[in-house]
């Protein structure tokens, strides 16, 4: 006996992955809950304010490359490591907001590397991985999809003019964890290192927060933040975390004027 269209449709829906089905049925106030991409990270991704301009976190530019129906919730904060972000209750606060069908993009290492600071330091193959698992498990427990992103590279060149890595074993530890846990990985470290190599010693200065009074080889200005955000968006698509309908402008010029530094919140 042949199945009716209704039976076929019901069978197809019942076979959908749990996270996808949850994304389609999640409700807020009687309406479908719009998907959000949460960022847990450090100053390289964080929102900057008018008192820090032109310093720009790549998370500020990421919405330019995502469809307007996919909201970016940037929880990255200056100076945080995978450990201190947890210890300060920031992961708990984020997980209290996240919903089924959302995404949690996790990028740490810059401050985990600071061995002189026990409040932030982690070891790559032990405590760093242990803390990252808390983000992964927390997202999955709430029906959200975790995504690991290796740390974006600093601007460092050797005497021969070659871009050199600065994050030690942390990227390798994150890659290994992604394989172990079956988590999507954005290899931002490798891709940004290759980009800095192409741009060269002088060309990269136009992407970092170099001003008349500062030579910052870690944080970005608008062009740098836009370049890294474009890389992140392309990797989200390449890794099938997002679909083509979720991204936009991947090959378009993004005006620096689109970057906005709001006034700091007042007490």
Protein backbone atom coordinates (compact mmCIF):
# COMPACT_ATOMS: atom_id res chain seq x y z
CA UNK A 1 0.00 0.00 0.00
CA UNK A 2 1.39 3.38 -0.97
CA UNK A 3 1.94 6.08 1.65
CA UNK A 4 0.01 9.31 1.60
CA UNK A 5 1.79 12.63 1.24
CA UNK A 6 1.06 13.36 4.91
CA UNK A 7 2.65 10.05 5.97
CA UNK A 8 5.72 10.68 3.84
CA UNK A 9 6.10 14.17 5.28
CA UNK A 10 5.73 12.90 8.85
CA UNK A 11 8.33 10.21 8.26
CA UNK A 12 10.77 12.74 6.82
CA UNK A 13 10.33 15.11 9.75
CA UNK A 14 10.81 12.34 12.27
CA UNK A 15 14.16 11.49 10.70
CA UNK A 16 15.59 15.01 11.04
CA UNK A 17 18.58 15.39 13.37
CA UNK A 18 17.53 16.45 16.86
CA UNK A 19 19.33 19.81 16.77
CA UNK A 20 17.80 20.74 13.41
CA UNK A 21 14.32 19.76 14.51
CA UNK A 22 14.75 21.76 17.69
CA UNK A 23 15.86 24.77 15.68
CA UNK A 24 12.67 24.60 13.63
CA UNK A 25 10.33 24.20 16.60
CA UNK A 26 11.96 26.44 19.22
CA UNK A 27 9.54 29.15 20.27
CA UNK A 28 9.85 32.45 22.11
CA UNK A 29 6.69 34.24 23.18
CA UNK A 30 4.62 32.16 20.78
CA UNK A 31 6.91 32.91 17.82
CA UNK A 32 9.74 30.95 16.28
CA UNK A 33 12.99 31.66 18.09
CA UNK A 34 15.49 33.31 15.70
CA UNK A 35 18.85 31.56 15.59
CA UNK A 36 21.84 33.20 17.23
CA UNK A 37 25.57 32.68 16.92
CA UNK A 38 27.22 33.23 20.31
CA UNK A 39 30.91 34.09 20.58
CA UNK A 40 32.92 33.14 23.68
CA UNK A 41 36.39 34.56 23.41
CA UNK A 42 38.94 37.24 24.21
CA UNK A 43 39.89 40.74 23.09
CA UNK A 44 40.65 39.75 19.51
CA UNK A 45 36.92 39.08 18.99
CA UNK A 46 35.33 41.41 21.55
CA UNK A 47 33.13 44.45 21.07
CA UNK A 48 35.15 47.68 21.38
CA UNK A 49 33.82 51.06 22.42
CA UNK A 50 34.51 54.62 21.43
CA UNK A 51 37.31 55.01 23.95
CA UNK A 52 39.23 52.15 22.26
CA UNK A 53 38.75 53.13 18.59
CA UNK A 54 40.18 52.26 16.10
CA UNK A 55 40.77 48.91 17.84
CA UNK A 56 38.21 46.47 16.47
CA UNK A 57 37.30 42.90 17.43
CA UNK A 58 36.54 40.56 14.55
CA UNK A 59 33.22 39.74 16.21
CA UNK A 60 32.13 43.31 15.44
CA UNK A 61 32.50 42.65 11.71
CA UNK A 62 31.06 39.14 11.59
CA UNK A 63 27.40 40.29 11.18
CA UNK A 64 28.33 41.87 7.82
CA UNK A 65 28.90 38.35 6.46
CA UNK A 66 25.89 36.61 7.99
CA UNK A 67 22.27 36.81 6.92
CA UNK A 68 20.33 39.31 9.01
CA UNK A 69 18.14 36.49 10.38
CA UNK A 70 21.19 35.01 12.12
CA UNK A 71 21.95 37.21 15.12
CA UNK A 72 25.48 37.53 16.53
CA UNK A 73 25.64 37.57 20.33
CA UNK A 74 29.21 38.61 21.07
CA UNK A 75 30.14 37.61 24.64
CA UNK A 76 33.90 37.84 24.05
CA UNK A 77 35.67 40.01 26.64
CA UNK A 78 39.12 41.57 26.77
CA UNK A 79 41.72 39.63 28.72
CA UNK A 80 39.80 36.43 29.27
CA UNK A 81 41.05 32.88 28.93
CA UNK A 82 39.05 29.68 28.65
CA UNK A 83 39.49 29.40 32.43
CA UNK A 84 38.76 32.95 33.62
CA UNK A 85 35.70 33.19 31.35
CA UNK A 86 34.29 30.20 33.23
CA UNK A 87 35.46 31.27 36.69
CA UNK A 88 33.82 34.68 36.33
CA UNK A 89 30.46 33.06 35.55
CA UNK A 90 30.43 34.27 31.96
CA UNK A 91 29.92 30.81 30.47
CA UNK A 92 26.99 30.17 32.81
CA UNK A 93 25.42 33.49 31.82
CA UNK A 94 25.85 32.67 28.13
CA UNK A 95 24.41 29.18 28.52
CA UNK A 96 21.41 30.62 30.33
CA UNK A 97 20.57 32.50 27.11
CA UNK A 98 21.46 29.99 24.41
CA UNK A 99 18.63 28.04 22.80
CA UNK A 100 18.20 24.91 20.67
CA UNK A 101 19.38 25.56 17.13
CA UNK A 102 21.85 28.27 18.18
CA UNK A 103 25.63 28.11 17.72
CA UNK A 104 28.45 28.65 20.22
CA UNK A 105 31.75 29.71 18.62
CA UNK A 106 34.64 29.26 21.06
CA UNK A 107 38.02 30.96 20.56
CA UNK A 108 40.60 31.14 23.36
CA UNK A 109 44.37 30.82 23.83
CA UNK A 110 45.88 34.32 23.85
CA UNK A 111 45.45 34.60 27.63
CA UNK A 112 45.59 30.89 28.44
CA UNK A 113 49.25 31.17 27.43
CA UNK A 114 50.12 33.58 30.27
CA UNK A 115 51.92 31.25 32.67
CA UNK A 116 52.65 34.10 35.07
CA UNK A 117 48.93 34.57 35.77
CA UNK A 118 47.33 31.59 37.58
CA UNK A 119 43.87 33.14 37.23
CA UNK A 120 44.07 32.74 33.46
CA UNK A 121 46.75 30.19 32.65
CA UNK A 122 45.93 26.71 31.35
CA UNK A 123 48.12 23.93 30.00
CA UNK A 124 47.38 23.03 26.37
CA UNK A 125 46.90 19.27 26.65
CA UNK A 126 45.21 19.18 30.06
CA UNK A 127 43.40 22.13 31.62
CA UNK A 128 42.92 23.99 28.32
CA UNK A 129 41.15 21.01 26.79
CA UNK A 130 39.25 20.39 30.04
CA UNK A 131 37.85 23.91 30.01
CA UNK A 132 36.98 23.81 26.32
CA UNK A 133 34.98 20.63 26.96
CA UNK A 134 32.80 22.58 29.38
CA UNK A 135 31.79 24.94 26.56
CA UNK A 136 31.18 22.05 24.16
CA UNK A 137 29.18 20.01 26.66
CA UNK A 138 27.21 23.04 27.83
CA UNK A 139 26.17 23.97 24.31
CA UNK A 140 25.20 20.42 23.40
CA UNK A 141 23.18 19.98 26.58
CA UNK A 142 21.02 22.91 25.48
CA UNK A 143 20.54 21.74 21.89
CA UNK A 144 23.02 24.27 20.49
CA UNK A 145 25.95 23.45 18.21
CA UNK A 146 29.48 24.12 19.51
CA UNK A 147 32.17 25.29 17.09
CA UNK A 148 35.85 25.50 18.03
CA UNK A 149 38.04 28.19 16.46
CA UNK A 150 41.81 28.13 16.84
CA UNK A 151 43.19 31.50 18.00
CA UNK A 152 43.85 34.14 15.38
CA UNK A 153 47.57 34.77 14.93
CA UNK A 154 49.52 37.77 16.13
CA UNK A 155 51.62 39.86 13.78
CA UNK A 156 55.07 38.29 14.17
CA UNK A 157 57.80 37.92 11.54
CA UNK A 158 61.30 36.50 11.69
CA UNK A 159 64.43 38.10 10.28
CA UNK A 160 63.75 36.54 6.89
CA UNK A 161 60.33 38.18 6.72
CA UNK A 162 58.33 34.99 7.31
CA UNK A 163 55.22 35.05 9.50
CA UNK A 164 55.81 32.88 12.56
CA UNK A 165 53.26 31.19 14.84
CA UNK A 166 52.94 32.49 18.39
CA UNK A 167 50.47 30.17 20.13
CA UNK A 168 52.64 27.17 20.91
CA UNK A 169 50.74 23.91 21.44
CA UNK A 170 47.32 25.48 21.98
CA UNK A 171 46.10 25.26 18.35
CA UNK A 172 47.21 21.61 18.10
CA UNK A 173 45.45 20.83 21.39
CA UNK A 174 42.22 22.39 20.11
CA UNK A 175 42.44 20.52 16.81
CA UNK A 176 42.89 17.25 18.68
CA UNK A 177 39.93 18.01 20.96
CA UNK A 178 37.74 18.81 17.95
CA UNK A 179 38.55 15.39 16.48
CA UNK A 180 37.96 13.60 19.78
CA UNK A 181 34.63 15.28 20.44
CA UNK A 182 33.38 15.43 16.85
CA UNK A 183 33.17 19.23 16.94
CA UNK A 184 33.39 21.50 13.91
CA UNK A 185 36.73 23.30 13.77
CA UNK A 186 37.57 26.65 12.19
CA UNK A 187 41.36 26.72 11.81
CA UNK A 188 41.66 30.48 12.11
CA UNK A 189 45.24 30.22 13.37
CA UNK A 190 46.51 28.52 10.21
CA UNK A 191 44.46 30.70 7.88
CA UNK A 192 45.41 33.99 9.54
CA UNK A 193 49.09 32.99 9.58
CA UNK A 194 48.89 32.35 5.83
CA UNK A 195 47.17 35.70 5.31
CA UNK A 196 49.84 37.59 7.26
CA UNK A 197 52.50 35.77 5.19
CA UNK A 198 50.88 36.94 1.95
CA UNK A 199 50.57 40.51 3.19
CA UNK A 200 54.14 40.66 4.49
CA UNK A 201 55.83 42.64 7.22
CA UNK A 202 54.74 46.05 5.98
CA UNK A 203 51.36 45.07 4.53
CA UNK A 204 50.13 43.62 7.81
CA UNK A 205 50.56 46.95 9.57
CA UNK A 206 47.41 48.13 7.79
CA UNK A 207 45.43 45.34 9.48
CA UNK A 208 46.57 45.76 13.08
CA UNK A 209 46.02 48.54 15.57
CA UNK A 210 49.02 50.62 14.55
CA UNK A 211 48.49 54.29 15.28
CA UNK A 212 50.65 57.35 15.80
CA UNK A 213 51.05 56.40 19.46
CA UNK A 214 50.71 52.61 19.46
CA UNK A 215 52.20 49.61 17.68
CA UNK A 216 49.83 46.79 18.58
CA UNK A 217 50.61 43.45 16.93
CA UNK A 218 47.74 41.54 18.56
CA UNK A 219 44.57 43.58 18.08
CA UNK A 220 42.98 44.71 14.84
CA UNK A 221 41.80 47.90 13.21
CA UNK A 222 38.70 47.81 10.94
CA UNK A 223 40.41 46.25 7.88
CA UNK A 224 41.97 43.53 10.03
CA UNK A 225 38.75 42.75 11.87
CA UNK A 226 36.86 42.58 8.57
CA UNK A 227 39.48 40.25 7.07
CA UNK A 228 39.36 37.86 10.02
CA UNK A 229 35.56 37.94 10.18
CA UNK A 230 35.43 37.10 6.47
CA UNK A 231 37.73 34.13 7.16
CA UNK A 232 35.47 32.96 10.00
CA UNK A 233 32.34 33.22 7.84
CA UNK A 234 33.98 31.34 4.96
CA UNK A 235 35.06 28.58 7.34
CA UNK A 236 31.57 28.33 8.82
CA UNK A 237 30.29 27.74 5.30
CA UNK A 238 33.13 25.43 4.23
CA UNK A 239 32.67 23.29 7.35
CA UNK A 240 28.91 23.10 6.72
CA UNK A 241 28.17 24.71 10.05
CA UNK A 242 26.17 27.27 8.08
CA UNK A 243 24.43 26.96 4.73
CA UNK A 244 24.78 29.28 1.73
CA UNK A 245 21.52 30.97 2.72
CA UNK A 246 23.10 31.93 6.07
CA UNK A 247 26.04 33.90 4.66
CA UNK A 248 26.44 36.93 2.40
CA UNK A 249 29.04 39.32 0.96
CA UNK A 250 31.87 36.77 1.26
CA UNK A 251 33.58 38.24 -1.80
CA UNK A 252 32.40 41.84 -1.49
CA UNK A 253 34.29 44.87 -0.24
CA UNK A 254 33.08 45.92 3.21
CA UNK A 255 33.42 49.66 3.92
CA UNK A 256 35.36 50.51 7.06
CA UNK A 257 32.63 53.05 7.82
CA UNK A 258 30.29 50.19 8.69
CA UNK A 259 32.26 49.58 11.89
CA UNK A 260 30.66 51.29 14.85
CA UNK A 261 32.18 51.92 18.27
CA UNK A 262 29.33 52.70 20.68
CA UNK A 263 29.77 54.79 23.78
CA UNK A 264 30.73 52.79 26.87
CA UNK A 265 27.88 51.94 29.19
CA UNK A 266 27.65 54.21 32.21
CA UNK A 267 26.93 52.95 35.70
